[in-house]
Amino acid sequence: MSKVTPATRALAAAGVAFTVHVYDYDPDAESIGLQAASALGEDPARVLKTLMALVDGKPVCVVVPSDREVSMKKLAAAAGGKSAQMMKPPEAERVTGFKVGGISPFGQRRLVRTVIDQGALGHDQVYVNGGQRGLQVRLKPADMRDVLKAVVADVVA
């Protein structure tokens, strides 16, 4: 497995301090985020999942703790829209350039608005997908917010 991905290149280019963590990805896991947290021996609240949604038909990246679900109503409001829905996997892969299970908020094919759940900012360090199945990067949540120019809001159900 390569530890260099578009996501890790984007982080390095932005001058962000991060570490790379490899784990055994289970494609049959009920929850990819929870499986990553378990494999890394970390609290699921610190291992964030990256999801792709549509807010008023426009792509939005949403980053939430792996043990929580996104509230579509709260996401729509945070992104300044009226309605939100999850993006279908093939569309998420086309928009981001990453495979489902390896979607990172960093290094996506095109820049999309990003919303990070406010709970993520309560940790010193968080894990987020590094752009490949079985690859996580650990970094300061404030660095993630700043690099992505993300909106921070309560978006969990």
C-alpha atoms as a PDB file:
ATOM      1  CA  MET A   1       0.000   0.000   0.000  1.00  0.00           C
ATOM      2  CA  SER A   2       1.288   3.419  -0.953  1.00  0.00           C
ATOM      3  CA  LYS A   3       1.321   5.968   1.830  1.00  0.00           C
ATOM      4  CA  VAL A   4       1.401   8.770  -0.741  1.00  0.00           C
ATOM      5  CA  THR A   5      -2.027   9.714  -2.053  1.00  0.00           C
ATOM      6  CA  PRO A   6      -3.583  12.907  -3.414  1.00  0.00           C
ATOM      7  CA  ALA A   7      -4.755  13.536   0.172  1.00  0.00           C
ATOM      8  CA  THR A   8      -1.324  13.196   1.775  1.00  0.00           C
ATOM      9  CA  ARG A   9       0.213  15.288  -1.018  1.00  0.00           C
ATOM     10  CA  ALA A  10      -2.379  18.027  -0.405  1.00  0.00           C
ATOM     11  CA  LEU A  11      -1.639  18.018   3.324  1.00  0.00           C
ATOM     12  CA  ALA A  12       2.113  18.145   2.763  1.00  0.00           C
ATOM     13  CA  ALA A  13       1.729  20.977   0.231  1.00  0.00           C
ATOM     14  CA  ALA A  14      -0.355  22.914   2.781  1.00  0.00           C
ATOM     15  CA  GLY A  15       2.408  22.499   5.383  1.00  0.00           C
ATOM     16  CA  VAL A  16       0.165  20.578   7.791  1.00  0.00           C
ATOM     17  CA  ALA A  17       1.760  18.318  10.397  1.00  0.00           C
ATOM     18  CA  PHE A  18       0.213  14.842  10.132  1.00  0.00           C
ATOM     19  CA  THR A  19       1.066  11.207  10.661  1.00  0.00           C
ATOM     20  CA  VAL A  20      -0.011   8.266   8.508  1.00  0.00           C
ATOM     21  CA  HIS A  21      -1.619   5.182  10.032  1.00  0.00           C
ATOM     22  CA  VAL A  22      -2.268   1.940   8.160  1.00  0.00           C
ATOM     23  CA  TYR A  23      -4.838  -0.610   9.299  1.00  0.00           C
ATOM     24  CA  ASP A  24      -6.477  -3.760   7.941  1.00  0.00           C
ATOM     25  CA  TYR A  25      -9.496  -2.521   5.993  1.00  0.00           C
ATOM     26  CA  ASP A  26     -12.530  -4.807   6.134  1.00  0.00           C
ATOM     27  CA  PRO A  27     -14.744  -4.281   3.063  1.00  0.00           C
ATOM     28  CA  ASP A  28     -17.522  -6.282   4.733  1.00  0.00           C
ATOM     29  CA  ALA A  29     -17.642  -4.165   7.904  1.00  0.00           C
ATOM     30  CA  GLU A  30     -21.066  -2.823   8.802  1.00  0.00           C
ATOM     31  CA  SER A  31     -19.478   0.574   9.500  1.00  0.00           C
ATOM     32  CA  ILE A  32     -16.189   1.451   7.838  1.00  0.00           C
ATOM     33  CA  GLY A  33     -15.519   4.259  10.325  1.00  0.00           C
ATOM     34  CA  LEU A  34     -16.157   2.111  13.391  1.00  0.00           C
ATOM     35  CA  GLN A  35     -14.047  -0.687  11.930  1.00  0.00           C
ATOM     36  CA  ALA A  36     -11.185   1.802  11.384  1.00  0.00           C
ATOM     37  CA  ALA A  37     -11.491   3.060  14.979  1.00  0.00           C
ATOM     38  CA  SER A  38     -11.418  -0.498  16.312  1.00  0.00           C
ATOM     39  CA  ALA A  39      -8.434  -1.469  14.140  1.00  0.00           C
ATOM     40  CA  LEU A  40      -6.534   1.638  15.269  1.00  0.00           C
ATOM     41  CA  GLY A  41      -7.498   1.135  18.933  1.00  0.00           C
ATOM     42  CA  GLU A  42      -8.975   4.634  19.044  1.00  0.00           C
ATOM     43  CA  ASP A  43     -12.145   6.222  20.416  1.00  0.00           C
ATOM     44  CA  PRO A  44     -14.696   6.343  17.539  1.00  0.00           C
ATOM     45  CA  ALA A  45     -15.329  10.017  18.378  1.00  0.00           C
ATOM     46  CA  ARG A  46     -11.731  10.782  17.305  1.00  0.00           C
ATOM     47  CA  VAL A  47     -11.882   8.729  14.090  1.00  0.00           C
ATOM     48  CA  LEU A  48     -13.864  10.810  11.631  1.00  0.00           C
ATOM     49  CA  LYS A  49     -15.721   9.562   8.591  1.00  0.00           C
ATOM     50  CA  THR A  50     -15.856  11.499   5.347  1.00  0.00           C
ATOM     51  CA  LEU A  51     -19.204  11.463   3.594  1.00  0.00           C
ATOM     52  CA  MET A  52     -20.366  13.097   0.399  1.00  0.00           C
ATOM     53  CA  ALA A  53     -23.779  14.719   0.219  1.00  0.00           C
ATOM     54  CA  LEU A  54     -25.797  16.963  -2.033  1.00  0.00           C
ATOM     55  CA  VAL A  55     -27.170  20.198  -0.597  1.00  0.00           C
ATOM     56  CA  ASP A  56     -29.674  21.758  -2.955  1.00  0.00           C
ATOM     57  CA  GLY A  57     -28.116  19.577  -5.661  1.00  0.00           C
ATOM     58  CA  LYS A  58     -24.524  20.773  -5.055  1.00  0.00           C
ATOM     59  CA  PRO A  59     -21.768  18.474  -3.720  1.00  0.00           C
ATOM     60  CA  VAL A  60     -20.764  18.946  -0.087  1.00  0.00           C
ATOM     61  CA  CYS A  61     -18.175  17.009   1.899  1.00  0.00           C
ATOM     62  CA  VAL A  62     -19.210  16.339   5.501  1.00  0.00           C
ATOM     63  CA  VAL A  63     -16.849  15.075   8.206  1.00  0.00           C
ATOM     64  CA  VAL A  64     -18.356  13.584  11.377  1.00  0.00           C
ATOM     65  CA  PRO A  65     -17.306  11.209  14.176  1.00  0.00           C
ATOM     66  CA  SER A  66     -17.473   7.594  13.026  1.00  0.00           C
ATOM     67  CA  ASP A  67     -19.964   6.696  15.750  1.00  0.00           C
ATOM     68  CA  ARG A  68     -22.500   9.360  14.747  1.00  0.00           C
ATOM     69  CA  GLU A  69     -24.942   9.904  11.891  1.00  0.00           C
ATOM     70  CA  VAL A  70     -25.452  13.064   9.853  1.00  0.00           C
ATOM     71  CA  SER A  71     -28.653  15.040  10.299  1.00  0.00           C
ATOM     72  CA  MET A  72     -29.662  16.050   6.768  1.00  0.00           C
ATOM     73  CA  LYS A  73     -31.662  18.977   8.122  1.00  0.00           C
ATOM     74  CA  LYS A  74     -28.702  20.310  10.133  1.00  0.00           C
ATOM     75  CA  LEU A  75     -26.316  19.727   7.212  1.00  0.00           C
ATOM     76  CA  ALA A  76     -28.553  21.651   4.809  1.00  0.00           C
ATOM     77  CA  ALA A  77     -28.740  24.565   7.258  1.00  0.00           C
ATOM     78  CA  ALA A  78     -24.965  24.555   7.891  1.00  0.00           C
ATOM     79  CA  ALA A  79     -24.291  24.624   4.141  1.00  0.00           C
ATOM     80  CA  GLY A  80     -26.809  27.408   3.579  1.00  0.00           C
ATOM     81  CA  GLY A  81     -29.304  25.224   1.750  1.00  0.00           C
ATOM     82  CA  LYS A  82     -32.831  23.949   2.077  1.00  0.00           C
ATOM     83  CA  SER A  83     -32.422  20.195   1.605  1.00  0.00           C
ATOM     84  CA  ALA A  84     -29.682  17.603   1.786  1.00  0.00           C
ATOM     85  CA  GLN A  85     -29.307  13.968   0.812  1.00  0.00           C
ATOM     86  CA  MET A  86     -26.446  11.510   0.717  1.00  0.00           C
ATOM     87  CA  MET A  87     -24.625  11.249  -2.599  1.00  0.00           C
ATOM     88  CA  LYS A  88     -24.799   7.855  -4.316  1.00  0.00           C
ATOM     89  CA  PRO A  89     -21.457   5.965  -4.142  1.00  0.00           C
ATOM     90  CA  PRO A  90     -20.658   6.099  -7.900  1.00  0.00           C
ATOM     91  CA  GLU A  91     -21.239   9.854  -7.928  1.00  0.00           C
ATOM     92  CA  ALA A  92     -19.138  10.323  -4.761  1.00  0.00           C
ATOM     93  CA  GLU A  93     -16.272   8.424  -6.425  1.00  0.00           C
ATOM     94  CA  ARG A  94     -16.583  10.492  -9.616  1.00  0.00           C
ATOM     95  CA  VAL A  95     -16.658  13.826  -7.753  1.00  0.00           C
ATOM     96  CA  THR A  96     -13.812  13.032  -5.335  1.00  0.00           C
ATOM     97  CA  GLY A  97     -11.551  10.772  -7.367  1.00  0.00           C
ATOM     98  CA  PHE A  98     -11.427   8.338  -4.420  1.00  0.00           C
ATOM     99  CA  LYS A  99     -13.057   4.931  -3.938  1.00  0.00           C
ATOM    100  CA  VAL A 100     -15.802   4.624  -1.314  1.00  0.00           C
ATOM    101  CA  GLY A 101     -14.091   3.510   1.902  1.00  0.00           C
ATOM    102  CA  GLY A 102     -11.094   5.653   0.946  1.00  0.00           C
ATOM    103  CA  ILE A 103     -12.666   9.080   0.465  1.00  0.00           C
ATOM    104  CA  SER A 104     -10.653  11.833   2.096  1.00  0.00           C
ATOM    105  CA  PRO A 105     -11.686  15.459   2.520  1.00  0.00           C
ATOM    106  CA  PHE A 106      -8.188  16.369   1.270  1.00  0.00           C
ATOM    107  CA  GLY A 107      -6.969  16.119  -2.316  1.00  0.00           C
ATOM    108  CA  GLN A 108     -10.360  15.618  -3.917  1.00  0.00           C
ATOM    109  CA  ARG A 109     -10.611  15.943  -7.685  1.00  0.00           C
ATOM    110  CA  ARG A 110     -12.357  19.284  -7.295  1.00  0.00           C
ATOM    111  CA  LEU A 111     -12.789  21.617  -4.369  1.00  0.00           C
ATOM    112  CA  VAL A 112     -16.197  21.306  -2.736  1.00  0.00           C
ATOM    113  CA  ARG A 113     -17.640  22.986   0.314  1.00  0.00           C
ATOM    114  CA  THR A 114     -16.769  21.077   3.494  1.00  0.00           C
ATOM    115  CA  VAL A 115     -18.687  20.943   6.754  1.00  0.00           C
ATOM    116  CA  ILE A 116     -17.034  19.501   9.873  1.00  0.00           C
ATOM    117  CA  ASP A 117     -19.090  18.522  12.903  1.00  0.00           C
ATOM    118  CA  GLN A 118     -18.216  20.802  15.792  1.00  0.00           C
ATOM    119  CA  GLY A 119     -17.532  17.820  18.063  1.00  0.00           C
ATOM    120  CA  ALA A 120     -14.348  17.110  16.099  1.00  0.00           C
ATOM    121  CA  LEU A 121     -12.800  20.380  17.275  1.00  0.00           C
ATOM    122  CA  GLY A 122     -12.984  19.207  20.893  1.00  0.00           C
ATOM    123  CA  HIS A 123     -10.053  16.798  20.403  1.00  0.00           C
ATOM    124  CA  ASP A 124      -6.312  17.504  20.296  1.00  0.00           C
ATOM    125  CA  GLN A 125      -5.853  15.097  17.378  1.00  0.00           C
ATOM    126  CA  VAL A 126      -8.303  13.337  15.072  1.00  0.00           C
ATOM    127  CA  TYR A 127      -8.045  10.695  12.379  1.00  0.00           C
ATOM    128  CA  VAL A 128      -9.499  11.137   8.921  1.00  0.00           C
ATOM    129  CA  ASN A 129      -9.236   9.032   5.786  1.00  0.00           C
ATOM    130  CA  GLY A 130      -5.935   9.480   3.969  1.00  0.00           C
ATOM    131  CA  GLY A 131      -7.309   8.817   0.490  1.00  0.00           C
ATOM    132  CA  GLN A 132      -7.080   5.048   0.397  1.00  0.00           C
ATOM    133  CA  ARG A 133      -8.877   2.141   2.026  1.00  0.00           C
ATOM    134  CA  GLY A 134      -6.941   1.185   5.153  1.00  0.00           C
ATOM    135  CA  LEU A 135      -5.094   4.516   5.412  1.00  0.00           C
ATOM    136  CA  GLN A 136      -5.821   7.206   7.991  1.00  0.00           C
ATOM    137  CA  VAL A 137      -4.025  10.458   8.740  1.00  0.00           C
ATOM    138  CA  ARG A 138      -3.854  11.954  12.233  1.00  0.00           C
ATOM    139  CA  LEU A 139      -3.804  15.718  12.554  1.00  0.00           C
ATOM    140  CA  LYS A 140      -5.085  18.648  14.599  1.00  0.00           C
ATOM    141  CA  PRO A 141      -8.751  19.304  13.830  1.00  0.00           C
ATOM    142  CA  ALA A 142      -8.076  23.055  13.606  1.00  0.00           C
ATOM    143  CA  ASP A 143      -5.549  22.361  10.827  1.00  0.00           C
ATOM    144  CA  MET A 144      -8.177  20.323   8.983  1.00  0.00           C
ATOM    145  CA  ARG A 145     -10.691  23.159   9.352  1.00  0.00           C
ATOM    146  CA  ASP A 146      -8.206  25.774   8.147  1.00  0.00           C
ATOM    147  CA  VAL A 147      -6.849  23.846   5.148  1.00  0.00           C
ATOM    148  CA  LEU A 148     -10.339  22.918   3.955  1.00  0.00           C
ATOM    149  CA  LYS A 149     -11.768  26.372   4.767  1.00  0.00           C
ATOM    150  CA  ALA A 150     -14.537  24.328   6.323  1.00  0.00           C
ATOM    151  CA  VAL A 151     -17.723  25.394   8.017  1.00  0.00           C
ATOM    152  CA  VAL A 152     -17.877  24.028  11.585  1.00  0.00           C
ATOM    153  CA  ALA A 153     -21.377  23.269  12.840  1.00  0.00           C
ATOM    154  CA  ASP A 154     -23.480  20.767  14.763  1.00  0.00           C
ATOM    155  CA  VAL A 155     -24.493  18.400  11.963  1.00  0.00           C
ATOM    156  CA  VAL A 156     -25.042  15.100  13.795  1.00  0.00           C
ATOM    157  CA  ALA A 157     -28.411  13.566  14.566  1.00  0.00           C
END
